[in-house]
């Protein structure tokens, strides 16, 4: 399911227009993104949790050139 399909289904289920539902959905996502970017963790029980994690780099090879790069 993509974003457009999700918005259409929610709009139909709640009797809202797709435009209203998209605005609400985008505000929801923007709030999660802003909160995570500020260093806080977002946890929505039954849906998921979002947080920034730092991972160690790893060495990979570029196909075709075999040049090693750190990702």
Protein backbone atom coordinates (compact mmCIF):
# COMPACT_ATOMS: atom_id res chain seq x y z
CA UNK A 1 0.00 0.00 0.00
CA UNK A 2 1.34 3.43 -0.85
CA UNK A 3 0.65 6.83 0.70
CA UNK A 4 -2.13 7.76 -1.76
CA UNK A 5 -3.98 4.48 -1.19
CA UNK A 6 -3.69 4.83 2.58
CA UNK A 7 -5.02 8.39 2.46
CA UNK A 8 -7.94 7.33 0.24
CA UNK A 9 -8.91 4.47 2.56
CA UNK A 10 -8.73 6.61 5.71
CA UNK A 11 -10.70 9.40 4.03
CA UNK A 12 -13.42 6.97 3.00
CA UNK A 13 -13.56 5.30 6.43
CA UNK A 14 -13.88 8.62 8.28
CA UNK A 15 -16.00 10.53 5.75
CA UNK A 16 -13.34 13.17 5.12
CA UNK A 17 -12.05 14.54 1.87
CA UNK A 18 -8.75 13.21 0.55
CA UNK A 19 -7.27 16.70 0.83
CA UNK A 20 -8.21 17.00 4.54
CA UNK A 21 -6.91 13.52 5.24
CA UNK A 22 -3.64 14.22 3.43
CA UNK A 23 -3.13 17.41 5.46
CA UNK A 24 -3.68 15.49 8.70
CA UNK A 25 -1.41 12.65 7.57
CA UNK A 26 1.37 15.06 6.55
CA UNK A 27 1.07 16.92 9.88
CA UNK A 28 1.36 13.55 11.66
CA UNK A 29 4.52 12.63 9.74
CA UNK A 30 6.03 16.12 10.11
CA UNK A 31 5.51 15.97 13.87
CA UNK A 32 7.26 12.60 14.10
CA UNK A 33 10.14 13.82 11.91
CA UNK A 34 10.58 17.07 13.87
CA UNK A 35 10.51 15.21 17.19
CA UNK A 36 13.07 12.61 16.09
CA UNK A 37 15.30 15.33 14.59
CA UNK A 38 15.28 17.12 17.96
CA UNK A 39 16.74 14.00 19.57
CA UNK A 40 13.61 12.58 21.19
CA UNK A 41 12.17 9.12 20.65
CA UNK A 42 8.59 8.71 19.38
CA UNK A 43 6.79 5.57 20.52
CA UNK A 44 3.24 4.82 19.41
CA UNK A 45 2.01 1.60 21.00
CA UNK A 46 0.63 -0.80 18.41
CA UNK A 47 2.20 1.14 15.54
CA UNK A 48 5.93 1.60 15.97
CA UNK A 49 8.77 3.58 17.47
CA UNK A 50 11.08 6.05 15.80
CA UNK A 51 14.50 7.25 16.92
CA UNK A 52 17.86 8.22 15.51
CA UNK A 53 20.58 5.64 15.97
CA UNK A 54 24.25 5.99 15.17
CA UNK A 55 25.91 2.96 13.68
CA UNK A 56 29.55 2.25 13.01
CA UNK A 57 30.71 2.60 9.41
CA UNK A 58 31.49 -0.44 7.32
CA UNK A 59 33.69 -0.95 4.33
CA UNK A 60 32.02 -1.83 1.02
CA UNK A 61 33.33 -2.25 -2.51
CA UNK A 62 31.96 -0.28 -5.45
CA UNK A 63 30.82 -2.75 -8.12
CA UNK A 64 32.83 -2.51 -11.29
CA UNK A 65 35.76 -0.58 -9.81
CA UNK A 66 36.39 -2.61 -6.65
CA UNK A 67 37.19 0.67 -4.88
CA UNK A 68 36.62 0.42 -1.14
CA UNK A 69 34.42 3.05 0.49
CA UNK A 70 33.15 3.51 4.03
CA UNK A 71 29.37 3.52 4.29
